[in-house]
PDB file of N, CA and C in Angstrom:
ATOM      1  N   LEU A   1     -12.817  -8.569 -25.646  1.00  0.00           N
ATOM      2  CA  LEU A   1     -13.229  -8.521 -24.253  1.00  0.00           C
ATOM      3  C   LEU A   1     -13.531  -7.093 -23.819  1.00  0.00           C
ATOM      4  N   THR A   2     -12.834  -6.122 -24.397  1.00  0.00           N
ATOM      5  CA  THR A   2     -13.079  -4.730 -24.040  1.00  0.00           C
ATOM      6  C   THR A   2     -14.482  -4.298 -24.433  1.00  0.00           C
ATOM      7  N   ILE A   3     -14.908  -4.657 -25.614  1.00  0.00           N
ATOM      8  CA  ILE A   3     -16.239  -4.260 -26.074  1.00  0.00           C
ATOM      9  C   ILE A   3     -17.312  -4.952 -25.245  1.00  0.00           C
ATOM     10  N   LEU A   4     -17.090  -6.205 -24.875  1.00  0.00           N
ATOM     11  CA  LEU A   4     -18.049  -6.928 -24.043  1.00  0.00           C
ATOM     12  C   LEU A   4     -18.183  -6.285 -22.665  1.00  0.00           C
ATOM     13  N   SER A   5     -17.058  -6.004 -22.031  1.00  0.00           N
ATOM     14  CA  SER A   5     -17.129  -5.404 -20.697  1.00  0.00           C
ATOM     15  C   SER A   5     -17.632  -3.968 -20.753  1.00  0.00           C
ATOM     16  N   ALA A   6     -17.309  -3.241 -21.822  1.00  0.00           N
ATOM     17  CA  ALA A   6     -17.773  -1.855 -21.942  1.00  0.00           C
ATOM     18  C   ALA A   6     -19.265  -1.779 -22.227  1.00  0.00           C
ATOM     19  N   SER A   7     -19.819  -2.824 -22.812  1.00  0.00           N
ATOM     20  CA  SER A   7     -21.248  -2.785 -23.126  1.00  0.00           C
ATOM     21  C   SER A   7     -22.119  -3.491 -22.096  1.00  0.00           C
ATOM     22  N   THR A   8     -21.528  -4.294 -21.208  1.00  0.00           N
ATOM     23  CA  THR A   8     -22.351  -5.013 -20.221  1.00  0.00           C
ATOM     24  C   THR A   8     -21.926  -4.734 -18.779  1.00  0.00           C
ATOM     25  N   ILE A   9     -20.700  -5.037 -18.450  1.00  0.00           N
ATOM     26  CA  ILE A   9     -20.266  -4.981 -17.052  1.00  0.00           C
ATOM     27  C   ILE A   9     -20.165  -3.547 -16.546  1.00  0.00           C
ATOM     28  N   HIS A  10     -19.483  -2.688 -17.273  1.00  0.00           N
ATOM     29  CA  HIS A  10     -19.291  -1.316 -16.800  1.00  0.00           C
ATOM     30  C   HIS A  10     -20.600  -0.529 -16.707  1.00  0.00           C
ATOM     31  N   PRO A  11     -21.520  -0.631 -17.670  1.00  0.00           N
ATOM     32  CA  PRO A  11     -22.801   0.063 -17.478  1.00  0.00           C
ATOM     33  C   PRO A  11     -23.590  -0.468 -16.284  1.00  0.00           C
ATOM     34  N   LEU A  12     -23.497  -1.766 -16.020  1.00  0.00           N
ATOM     35  CA  LEU A  12     -24.170  -2.326 -14.851  1.00  0.00           C
ATOM     36  C   LEU A  12     -23.583  -1.760 -13.561  1.00  0.00           C
ATOM     37  N   VAL A  13     -22.275  -1.677 -13.494  1.00  0.00           N
ATOM     38  CA  VAL A  13     -21.624  -1.106 -12.310  1.00  0.00           C
ATOM     39  C   VAL A  13     -22.020   0.355 -12.138  1.00  0.00           C
ATOM     40  N   LEU A  14     -22.024   1.123 -13.223  1.00  0.00           N
ATOM     41  CA  LEU A  14     -22.440   2.525 -13.137  1.00  0.00           C
ATOM     42  C   LEU A  14     -23.897   2.653 -12.705  1.00  0.00           C
ATOM     43  N   TYR A  15     -24.770   1.804 -13.228  1.00  0.00           N
ATOM     44  CA  TYR A  15     -26.177   1.831 -12.827  1.00  0.00           C
ATOM     45  C   TYR A  15     -26.316   1.557 -11.333  1.00  0.00           C
ATOM     46  N   LEU A  16     -25.623   0.537 -10.853  1.00  0.00           N
ATOM     47  CA  LEU A  16     -25.698   0.217  -9.425  1.00  0.00           C
ATOM     48  C   LEU A  16     -25.142   1.346  -8.564  1.00  0.00           C
ATOM     49  N   LEU A  17     -24.067   1.960  -9.003  1.00  0.00           N
ATOM     50  CA  LEU A  17     -23.491   3.061  -8.229  1.00  0.00           C
ATOM     51  C   LEU A  17     -24.392   4.292  -8.220  1.00  0.00           C
ATOM     52  N   ILE A  18     -25.024   4.586  -9.329  1.00  0.00           N
ATOM     53  CA  ILE A  18     -25.838   5.796  -9.408  1.00  0.00           C
ATOM     54  C   ILE A  18     -27.192   5.614  -8.728  1.00  0.00           C
ATOM     55  N   PHE A  19     -27.849   4.481  -8.953  1.00  0.00           N
ATOM     56  CA  PHE A  19     -29.232   4.340  -8.503  1.00  0.00           C
ATOM     57  C   PHE A  19     -29.424   3.426  -7.299  1.00  0.00           C
ATOM     58  N   LYS A  20     -28.547   2.490  -7.047  1.00  0.00           N
ATOM     59  CA  LYS A  20     -28.790   1.493  -6.002  1.00  0.00           C
ATOM     60  C   LYS A  20     -27.806   1.561  -4.839  1.00  0.00           C
ATOM     61  N   SER A  21     -27.046   2.607  -4.719  1.00  0.00           N
ATOM     62  CA  SER A  21     -26.042   2.677  -3.640  1.00  0.00           C
ATOM     63  C   SER A  21     -26.337   3.842  -2.703  1.00  0.00           C
ATOM     64  N   LYS A  22     -27.542   3.886  -2.189  1.00  0.00           N
ATOM     65  CA  LYS A  22     -27.947   4.996  -1.325  1.00  0.00           C
ATOM     66  C   LYS A  22     -27.322   4.903   0.064  1.00  0.00           C
ATOM     67  N   ALA A  23     -26.779   3.750   0.434  1.00  0.00           N
ATOM     68  CA  ALA A  23     -26.146   3.616   1.750  1.00  0.00           C
ATOM     69  C   ALA A  23     -24.805   4.346   1.812  1.00  0.00           C
ATOM     70  N   MET A  24     -24.194   4.584   0.666  1.00  0.00           N
ATOM     71  CA  MET A  24     -22.916   5.306   0.624  1.00  0.00           C
ATOM     72  C   MET A  24     -23.156   6.795   0.785  1.00  0.00           C
ATOM     73  N   THR A  25     -22.170   7.467   1.339  1.00  0.00           N
ATOM     74  CA  THR A  25     -22.257   8.923   1.374  1.00  0.00           C
ATOM     75  C   THR A  25     -22.066   9.464  -0.039  1.00  0.00           C
ATOM     76  N   ARG A  26     -22.493  10.684  -0.244  1.00  0.00           N
ATOM     77  CA  ARG A  26     -22.484  11.267  -1.588  1.00  0.00           C
ATOM     78  C   ARG A  26     -21.069  11.371  -2.157  1.00  0.00           C
ATOM     79  N   ASP A  27     -20.114  11.810  -1.340  1.00  0.00           N
ATOM     80  CA  ASP A  27     -18.753  11.992  -1.852  1.00  0.00           C
ATOM     81  C   ASP A  27     -18.076  10.661  -2.177  1.00  0.00           C
ATOM     82  N   ILE A  28     -18.334   9.641  -1.382  1.00  0.00           N
ATOM     83  CA  ILE A  28     -17.762   8.312  -1.678  1.00  0.00           C
ATOM     84  C   ILE A  28     -18.378   7.759  -2.962  1.00  0.00           C
ATOM     85  N   ARG A  29     -19.688   7.932  -3.128  1.00  0.00           N
ATOM     86  CA  ARG A  29     -20.353   7.447  -4.341  1.00  0.00           C
ATOM     87  C   ARG A  29     -19.828   8.180  -5.575  1.00  0.00           C
ATOM     88  N   ILE A  30     -19.628   9.490  -5.466  1.00  0.00           N
ATOM     89  CA  ILE A  30     -19.055  10.252  -6.582  1.00  0.00           C
ATOM     90  C   ILE A  30     -17.646   9.751  -6.898  1.00  0.00           C
ATOM     91  N   GLY A  31     -16.866   9.438  -5.862  1.00  0.00           N
ATOM     92  CA  GLY A  31     -15.525   8.897  -6.077  1.00  0.00           C
ATOM     93  C   GLY A  31     -15.544   7.566  -6.808  1.00  0.00           C
ATOM     94  N   TYR A  32     -16.471   6.682  -6.423  1.00  0.00           N
ATOM     95  CA  TYR A  32     -16.582   5.393  -7.108  1.00  0.00           C
ATOM     96  C   TYR A  32     -17.044   5.566  -8.557  1.00  0.00           C
ATOM     97  N   ILE A  33     -17.987   6.479  -8.785  1.00  0.00           N
ATOM     98  CA  ILE A  33     -18.453   6.723 -10.154  1.00  0.00           C
ATOM     99  C   ILE A  33     -17.315   7.277 -11.004  1.00  0.00           C
ATOM    100  N   TRP A  34     -16.587   8.239 -10.457  1.00  0.00           N
ATOM    101  CA  TRP A  34     -15.458   8.837 -11.174  1.00  0.00           C
ATOM    102  C   TRP A  34     -14.393   7.779 -11.470  1.00  0.00           C
ATOM    103  N   ASN A  35     -14.134   6.901 -10.494  1.00  0.00           N
ATOM    104  CA  ASN A  35     -13.147   5.842 -10.683  1.00  0.00           C
ATOM    105  C   ASN A  35     -13.599   4.864 -11.771  1.00  0.00           C
ATOM    106  N   THR A  36     -14.878   4.512 -11.779  1.00  0.00           N
ATOM    107  CA  THR A  36     -15.389   3.593 -12.796  1.00  0.00           C
ATOM    108  C   THR A  36     -15.317   4.207 -14.191  1.00  0.00           C
ATOM    109  N   VAL A  37     -15.662   5.483 -14.306  1.00  0.00           N
ATOM    110  CA  VAL A  37     -15.573   6.161 -15.607  1.00  0.00           C
ATOM    111  C   VAL A  37     -14.119   6.211 -16.088  1.00  0.00           C
ATOM    112  N   SER A  38     -13.188   6.474 -15.175  1.00  0.00           N
ATOM    113  CA  SER A  38     -11.778   6.511 -15.583  1.00  0.00           C
ATOM    114  C   SER A  38     -11.276   5.124 -15.985  1.00  0.00           C
ATOM    115  N   ILE A  39     -11.776   4.081 -15.348  1.00  0.00           N
ATOM    116  CA  ILE A  39     -11.411   2.716 -15.751  1.00  0.00           C
ATOM    117  C   ILE A  39     -11.930   2.425 -17.158  1.00  0.00           C
ATOM    118  N   ILE A  40     -13.163   2.851 -17.443  1.00  0.00           N
ATOM    119  CA  ILE A  40     -13.735   2.640 -18.778  1.00  0.00           C
ATOM    120  C   ILE A  40     -12.906   3.365 -19.835  1.00  0.00           C
ATOM    121  N   LEU A  41     -12.585   4.638 -19.580  1.00  0.00           N
ATOM    122  CA  LEU A  41     -11.786   5.402 -20.541  1.00  0.00           C
ATOM    123  C   LEU A  41     -10.396   4.804 -20.722  1.00  0.00           C
ATOM    124  N   ASN A  42      -9.792   4.374 -19.624  1.00  0.00           N
ATOM    125  CA  ASN A  42      -8.468   3.777 -19.691  1.00  0.00           C
ATOM    126  C   ASN A  42      -8.502   2.469 -20.481  1.00  0.00           C
ATOM    127  N   GLU A  43      -9.537   1.690 -20.271  1.00  0.00           N
ATOM    128  CA  GLU A  43      -9.653   0.422 -20.991  1.00  0.00           C
ATOM    129  C   GLU A  43      -9.818   0.651 -22.493  1.00  0.00           C
ATOM    130  N   TRP A  44     -10.639   1.611 -22.880  1.00  0.00           N
ATOM    131  CA  TRP A  44     -10.806   1.924 -24.298  1.00  0.00           C
ATOM    132  C   TRP A  44      -9.517   2.463 -24.889  1.00  0.00           C
ATOM    133  N   TYR A  45      -8.844   3.321 -24.143  1.00  0.00           N
ATOM    134  CA  TYR A  45      -7.628   3.926 -24.675  1.00  0.00           C
ATOM    135  C   TYR A  45      -6.533   2.889 -24.899  1.00  0.00           C
ATOM    136  N   PHE A  46      -6.277   2.066 -23.869  1.00  0.00           N
ATOM    137  CA  PHE A  46      -5.159   1.123 -23.979  1.00  0.00           C
ATOM    138  C   PHE A  46      -5.499  -0.135 -24.770  1.00  0.00           C
ATOM    139  N   SER A  47      -6.765  -0.520 -24.855  1.00  0.00           N
ATOM    140  CA  SER A  47      -7.112  -1.739 -25.581  1.00  0.00           C
ATOM    141  C   SER A  47      -7.454  -1.499 -27.041  1.00  0.00           C
ATOM    142  N   ILE A  48      -7.944  -0.312 -27.361  1.00  0.00           N
ATOM    143  CA  ILE A  48      -8.390  -0.061 -28.728  1.00  0.00           C
ATOM    144  C   ILE A  48      -7.558   1.017 -29.413  1.00  0.00           C
ATOM    145  N   LEU A  49      -7.415   2.169 -28.784  1.00  0.00           N
ATOM    146  CA  LEU A  49      -6.771   3.293 -29.458  1.00  0.00           C
ATOM    147  C   LEU A  49      -5.247   3.219 -29.463  1.00  0.00           C
ATOM    148  N   PHE A  50      -4.659   2.754 -28.375  1.00  0.00           N
ATOM    149  CA  PHE A  50      -3.200   2.779 -28.271  1.00  0.00           C
ATOM    150  C   PHE A  50      -2.582   1.395 -28.477  1.00  0.00           C
ATOM    151  N   ARG A  51      -3.068   0.380 -27.856  1.00  0.00           N
ATOM    152  CA  ARG A  51      -2.598  -1.011 -27.901  1.00  0.00           C
ATOM    153  C   ARG A  51      -1.080  -1.149 -27.762  1.00  0.00           C
ATOM    154  N   PRO A  52      -0.565  -0.881 -26.573  1.00  0.00           N
ATOM    155  CA  PRO A  52       0.883  -1.016 -26.381  1.00  0.00           C
ATOM    156  C   PRO A  52       1.282  -2.475 -26.162  1.00  0.00           C
ATOM    157  N   TYR A  53       2.443  -2.820 -26.660  1.00  0.00           N
ATOM    158  CA  TYR A  53       3.050  -4.126 -26.431  1.00  0.00           C
ATOM    159  C   TYR A  53       4.429  -3.874 -25.845  1.00  0.00           C
ATOM    160  N   PHE A  54       4.655  -4.391 -24.659  1.00  0.00           N
ATOM    161  CA  PHE A  54       5.942  -4.187 -23.996  1.00  0.00           C
ATOM    162  C   PHE A  54       6.931  -5.236 -24.482  1.00  0.00           C
ATOM    163  N   ILE A  55       8.135  -4.800 -24.762  1.00  0.00           N
ATOM    164  CA  ILE A  55       9.178  -5.679 -25.275  1.00  0.00           C
ATOM    165  C   ILE A  55      10.163  -5.934 -24.139  1.00  0.00           C
ATOM    166  N   PHE A  56      10.064  -7.123 -23.569  1.00  0.00           N
ATOM    167  CA  PHE A  56      10.942  -7.481 -22.457  1.00  0.00           C
ATOM    168  C   PHE A  56      12.098  -8.319 -22.976  1.00  0.00           C
ATOM    169  N   PRO A  57      13.248  -8.285 -22.445  1.00  0.00           N
ATOM    170  CA  PRO A  57      13.709  -7.577 -21.247  1.00  0.00           C
ATOM    171  C   PRO A  57      14.141  -6.148 -21.523  1.00  0.00           C
ATOM    172  N   TYR A  58      13.908  -5.671 -22.728  1.00  0.00           N
ATOM    173  CA  TYR A  58      14.308  -4.303 -23.068  1.00  0.00           C
ATOM    174  C   TYR A  58      13.263  -3.318 -22.555  1.00  0.00           C
ATOM    175  N   ASP A  59      13.690  -2.124 -22.338  1.00  0.00           N
ATOM    176  CA  ASP A  59      12.789  -1.076 -21.877  1.00  0.00           C
ATOM    177  C   ASP A  59      12.187  -0.390 -23.100  1.00  0.00           C
ATOM    178  N   ALA A  60      11.293  -1.106 -23.796  1.00  0.00           N
ATOM    179  CA  ALA A  60      10.730  -0.583 -25.035  1.00  0.00           C
ATOM    180  C   ALA A  60       9.249  -0.934 -25.124  1.00  0.00           C
ATOM    181  N   ILE A  61       8.533  -0.133 -25.892  1.00  0.00           N
ATOM    182  CA  ILE A  61       7.107  -0.346 -26.113  1.00  0.00           C
ATOM    183  C   ILE A  61       6.851  -0.277 -27.613  1.00  0.00           C
ATOM    184  N   TYR A  62       6.129  -1.265 -28.117  1.00  0.00           N
ATOM    185  CA  TYR A  62       5.685  -1.238 -29.504  1.00  0.00           C
ATOM    186  C   TYR A  62       4.202  -0.892 -29.497  1.00  0.00           C
ATOM    187  N   CYS A  63       3.806   0.024 -30.339  1.00  0.00           N
ATOM    188  CA  CYS A  63       2.427   0.513 -30.368  1.00  0.00           C
ATOM    189  C   CYS A  63       1.778   0.106 -31.680  1.00  0.00           C
ATOM    190  N   ASP A  64       0.556  -0.456 -31.600  1.00  0.00           N
ATOM    191  CA  ASP A  64      -0.098  -0.955 -32.803  1.00  0.00           C
ATOM    192  C   ASP A  64      -1.486  -0.359 -33.031  1.00  0.00           C
ATOM    193  N   GLY A  65      -1.919   0.577 -32.204  1.00  0.00           N
ATOM    194  CA  GLY A  65      -3.266   1.125 -32.317  1.00  0.00           C
ATOM    195  C   GLY A  65      -3.391   2.222 -33.357  1.00  0.00           C
ATOM    196  N   PRO A  66      -4.622   2.677 -33.583  1.00  0.00           N
ATOM    197  CA  PRO A  66      -4.860   3.739 -34.566  1.00  0.00           C
ATOM    198  C   PRO A  66      -4.146   5.045 -34.238  1.00  0.00           C
ATOM    199  N   ILE A  67      -3.999   5.362 -32.972  1.00  0.00           N
ATOM    200  CA  ILE A  67      -3.289   6.596 -32.600  1.00  0.00           C
ATOM    201  C   ILE A  67      -1.830   6.511 -33.033  1.00  0.00           C
ATOM    202  N   CYS A  68      -1.231   5.342 -32.904  1.00  0.00           N
ATOM    203  CA  CYS A  68       0.179   5.181 -33.271  1.00  0.00           C
ATOM    204  C   CYS A  68       0.380   5.185 -34.785  1.00  0.00           C
ATOM    205  N   ARG A  69      -0.641   4.796 -35.515  1.00  0.00           N
ATOM    206  CA  ARG A  69      -0.525   4.759 -36.977  1.00  0.00           C
ATOM    207  C   ARG A  69      -0.731   6.118 -37.635  1.00  0.00           C
ATOM    208  N   LEU A  70      -1.074   7.131 -36.851  1.00  0.00           N
ATOM    209  CA  LEU A  70      -1.283   8.470 -37.410  1.00  0.00           C
ATOM    210  C   LEU A  70       0.016   9.141 -37.817  1.00  0.00           C
ATOM    211  N   GLY A  71       1.136   8.618 -37.352  1.00  0.00           N
ATOM    212  CA  GLY A  71       2.425   9.213 -37.678  1.00  0.00           C
ATOM    213  C   GLY A  71       2.807  10.348 -36.748  1.00  0.00           C
ATOM    214  N   LEU A  72       2.264  10.331 -35.544  1.00  0.00           N
ATOM    215  CA  LEU A  72       2.599  11.365 -34.563  1.00  0.00           C
ATOM    216  C   LEU A  72       4.023  11.170 -34.065  1.00  0.00           C
ATOM    217  N   PRO A  73       4.672  12.239 -33.617  1.00  0.00           N
ATOM    218  CA  PRO A  73       6.025  12.097 -33.064  1.00  0.00           C
ATOM    219  C   PRO A  73       6.023  11.201 -31.822  1.00  0.00           C
ATOM    220  N   LYS A  74       7.134  10.518 -31.618  1.00  0.00           N
ATOM    221  CA  LYS A  74       7.234   9.591 -30.490  1.00  0.00           C
ATOM    222  C   LYS A  74       7.111  10.307 -29.148  1.00  0.00           C
ATOM    223  N   ARG A  75       7.568  11.547 -29.078  1.00  0.00           N
ATOM    224  CA  ARG A  75       7.421  12.312 -27.832  1.00  0.00           C
ATOM    225  C   ARG A  75       5.956  12.524 -27.485  1.00  0.00           C
ATOM    226  N   LEU A  76       5.147  12.835 -28.476  1.00  0.00           N
ATOM    227  CA  LEU A  76       3.722  13.042 -28.238  1.00  0.00           C
ATOM    228  C   LEU A  76       3.040  11.736 -27.845  1.00  0.00           C
ATOM    229  N   LEU A  77       3.410  10.635 -28.483  1.00  0.00           N
ATOM    230  CA  LEU A  77       2.846   9.334 -28.121  1.00  0.00           C
ATOM    231  C   LEU A  77       3.202   8.957 -26.686  1.00  0.00           C
ATOM    232  N   THR A  78       4.448   9.211 -26.296  1.00  0.00           N
ATOM    233  CA  THR A  78       4.863   8.926 -24.921  1.00  0.00           C
ATOM    234  C   THR A  78       4.121   9.816 -23.938  1.00  0.00           C
ATOM    235  N   THR A  79       3.932  11.078 -24.292  1.00  0.00           N
ATOM    236  CA  THR A  79       3.196  11.996 -23.425  1.00  0.00           C
ATOM    237  C   THR A  79       1.751  11.545 -23.260  1.00  0.00           C
ATOM    238  N   LEU A  80       1.103  11.137 -24.334  1.00  0.00           N
ATOM    239  CA  LEU A  80      -0.265  10.628 -24.242  1.00  0.00           C
ATOM    240  C   LEU A  80      -0.333   9.361 -23.398  1.00  0.00           C
ATOM    241  N   PHE A  81       0.635   8.482 -23.573  1.00  0.00           N
ATOM    242  CA  PHE A  81       0.683   7.243 -22.800  1.00  0.00           C
ATOM    243  C   PHE A  81       0.768   7.539 -21.304  1.00  0.00           C
ATOM    244  N   VAL A  82       1.678   8.420 -20.928  1.00  0.00           N
ATOM    245  CA  VAL A  82       1.858   8.770 -19.513  1.00  0.00           C
ATOM    246  C   VAL A  82       0.649   9.542 -18.989  1.00  0.00           C
ATOM    247  N   PHE A  83       0.084  10.421 -19.801  1.00  0.00           N
ATOM    248  CA  PHE A  83      -1.074  11.209 -19.384  1.00  0.00           C
ATOM    249  C   PHE A  83      -2.246  10.310 -19.001  1.00  0.00           C
ATOM    250  N   PHE A  84      -2.527   9.294 -19.808  1.00  0.00           N
ATOM    251  CA  PHE A  84      -3.654   8.423 -19.502  1.00  0.00           C
ATOM    252  C   PHE A  84      -3.370   7.492 -18.328  1.00  0.00           C
ATOM    253  N   ILE A  85      -2.121   7.181 -18.074  1.00  0.00           N
ATOM    254  CA  ILE A  85      -1.791   6.418 -16.870  1.00  0.00           C
ATOM    255  C   ILE A  85      -2.021   7.272 -15.633  1.00  0.00           C
ATOM    256  N   VAL A  86      -1.569   8.519 -15.662  1.00  0.00           N
ATOM    257  CA  VAL A  86      -1.746   9.418 -14.518  1.00  0.00           C
ATOM    258  C   VAL A  86      -3.220   9.756 -14.329  1.00  0.00           C
ATOM    259  N   LEU A  87      -3.965   9.867 -15.408  1.00  0.00           N
ATOM    260  CA  LEU A  87      -5.386  10.161 -15.322  1.00  0.00           C
ATOM    261  C   LEU A  87      -6.138   9.073 -14.559  1.00  0.00           C
ATOM    262  N   GLU A  88      -5.645   7.866 -14.590  1.00  0.00           N
ATOM    263  CA  GLU A  88      -6.257   6.755 -13.852  1.00  0.00           C
ATOM    264  C   GLU A  88      -5.989   6.864 -12.352  1.00  0.00           C
ATOM    265  N   ILE A  89      -4.897   7.487 -11.961  1.00  0.00           N
ATOM    266  CA  ILE A  89      -4.508   7.557 -10.554  1.00  0.00           C
ATOM    267  C   ILE A  89      -5.358   8.566  -9.783  1.00  0.00           C
ATOM    268  N   LEU A  90      -5.726   9.677 -10.403  1.00  0.00           N
ATOM    269  CA  LEU A  90      -6.410  10.761  -9.697  1.00  0.00           C
ATOM    270  C   LEU A  90      -7.729  10.355  -9.046  1.00  0.00           C
ATOM    271  N   PRO A  91      -8.670   9.695  -9.743  1.00  0.00           N
ATOM    272  CA  PRO A  91      -9.908   9.322  -9.059  1.00  0.00           C
ATOM    273  C   PRO A  91      -9.692   8.301  -7.957  1.00  0.00           C
ATOM    274  N   PHE A  92      -8.741   7.400  -8.149  1.00  0.00           N
ATOM    275  CA  PHE A  92      -8.458   6.414  -7.107  1.00  0.00           C
ATOM    276  C   PHE A  92      -7.895   7.090  -5.865  1.00  0.00           C
ATOM    277  N   LEU A  93      -7.011   8.048  -6.048  1.00  0.00           N
ATOM    278  CA  LEU A  93      -6.455   8.797  -4.927  1.00  0.00           C
ATOM    279  C   LEU A  93      -7.544   9.607  -4.222  1.00  0.00           C
ATOM    280  N   PHE A  94      -8.427  10.244  -4.979  1.00  0.00           N
ATOM    281  CA  PHE A  94      -9.547  10.978  -4.394  1.00  0.00           C
ATOM    282  C   PHE A  94     -10.405  10.049  -3.550  1.00  0.00           C
ATOM    283  N   LEU A  95     -10.708   8.867  -4.074  1.00  0.00           N
ATOM    284  CA  LEU A  95     -11.549   7.912  -3.356  1.00  0.00           C
ATOM    285  C   LEU A  95     -10.883   7.447  -2.069  1.00  0.00           C
ATOM    286  N   ILE A  96      -9.604   7.139  -2.123  1.00  0.00           N
ATOM    287  CA  ILE A  96      -8.893   6.702  -0.919  1.00  0.00           C
ATOM    288  C   ILE A  96      -8.864   7.804   0.131  1.00  0.00           C
ATOM    289  N   LEU A  97      -8.601   9.040  -0.283  1.00  0.00           N
ATOM    290  CA  LEU A  97      -8.556  10.144   0.676  1.00  0.00           C
ATOM    291  C   LEU A  97      -9.924  10.421   1.286  1.00  0.00           C
ATOM    292  N   ARG A  98     -10.992  10.357   0.505  1.00  0.00           N
ATOM    293  CA  ARG A  98     -12.336  10.577   1.051  1.00  0.00           C
ATOM    294  C   ARG A  98     -12.723   9.461   2.012  1.00  0.00           C
ATOM    295  N   MET A  99     -12.368   8.226   1.693  1.00  0.00           N
ATOM    296  CA  MET A  99     -12.679   7.118   2.598  1.00  0.00           C
ATOM    297  C   MET A  99     -11.882   7.243   3.886  1.00  0.00           C
ATOM    298  N   HIS A 100     -10.623   7.621   3.789  1.00  0.00           N
ATOM    299  CA  HIS A 100      -9.817   7.824   4.988  1.00  0.00           C
ATOM    300  C   HIS A 100     -10.398   8.951   5.835  1.00  0.00           C
ATOM    301  N   HIS A 101     -10.818  10.016   5.192  1.00  0.00           N
ATOM    302  CA  HIS A 101     -11.394  11.143   5.912  1.00  0.00           C
ATOM    303  C   HIS A 101     -12.687  10.737   6.620  1.00  0.00           C
ATOM    304  N   SER A 102     -13.499   9.897   5.986  1.00  0.00           N
ATOM    305  CA  SER A 102     -14.749   9.475   6.624  1.00  0.00           C
ATOM    306  C   SER A 102     -14.476   8.564   7.816  1.00  0.00           C
ATOM    307  N   PHE A 103     -13.451   7.711   7.739  1.00  0.00           N
ATOM    308  CA  PHE A 103     -13.115   6.864   8.881  1.00  0.00           C
ATOM    309  C   PHE A 103     -12.502   7.671  10.008  1.00  0.00           C
ATOM    310  N   ALA A 104     -11.655   8.630   9.665  1.00  0.00           N
ATOM    311  CA  ALA A 104     -11.023   9.456  10.694  1.00  0.00           C
ATOM    312  C   ALA A 104     -12.055  10.320  11.400  1.00  0.00           C
ATOM    313  N   ARG A 105     -13.081  10.772  10.701  1.00  0.00           N
ATOM    314  CA  ARG A 105     -14.134  11.586  11.289  1.00  0.00           C
ATOM    315  C   ARG A 105     -14.972  10.760  12.257  1.00  0.00           C
ATOM    316  N   VAL A 106     -15.255   9.498  11.923  1.00  0.00           N
ATOM    317  CA  VAL A 106     -16.082   8.645  12.770  1.00  0.00           C
ATOM    318  C   VAL A 106     -15.351   8.280  14.049  1.00  0.00           C
ATOM    319  N   THR A 107     -14.076   7.943  13.952  1.00  0.00           N
ATOM    320  CA  THR A 107     -13.342   7.512  15.135  1.00  0.00           C
ATOM    321  C   THR A 107     -12.894   8.679  15.992  1.00  0.00           C
ATOM    322  N   GLY A 108     -12.895   9.877  15.441  1.00  0.00           N
ATOM    323  CA  GLY A 108     -12.487  11.047  16.221  1.00  0.00           C
ATOM    324  C   GLY A 108     -11.007  11.037  16.541  1.00  0.00           C
ATOM    325  N   GLY A 109     -10.187  10.559  15.609  1.00  0.00           N
ATOM    326  CA  GLY A 109      -8.742  10.488  15.822  1.00  0.00           C
ATOM    327  C   GLY A 109      -8.121  11.853  16.019  1.00  0.00           C
ATOM    328  N   LYS A 110      -7.049  11.879  16.817  1.00  0.00           N
ATOM    329  CA  LYS A 110      -6.365  13.147  17.104  1.00  0.00           C
ATOM    330  C   LYS A 110      -4.988  13.157  16.511  1.00  0.00           C
TER     331      LYS A 110
END
């Protein structure tokens, strides 16, 4: 499903955001493009390269992707896992703040 969405759905969304979304302001459109690119990277990382499996009810993760098979230390794998999760938050936060700023500017809130 990752390869299907990465080759059809995500490029279509990027095309629409870049070429067909002239009604949006430039900063909001950049935020949506950045968010879509981060979703694509996150999907490739977690579905293909890392492939984590959570072991419930224990607080454990089993990793089956190519990155995990390289024999890297567990600390580095955990750092990469957390880094890519946090990397997904930044564009979404930027987009929310820019949208809030555009609404606050229009209403003239004090």
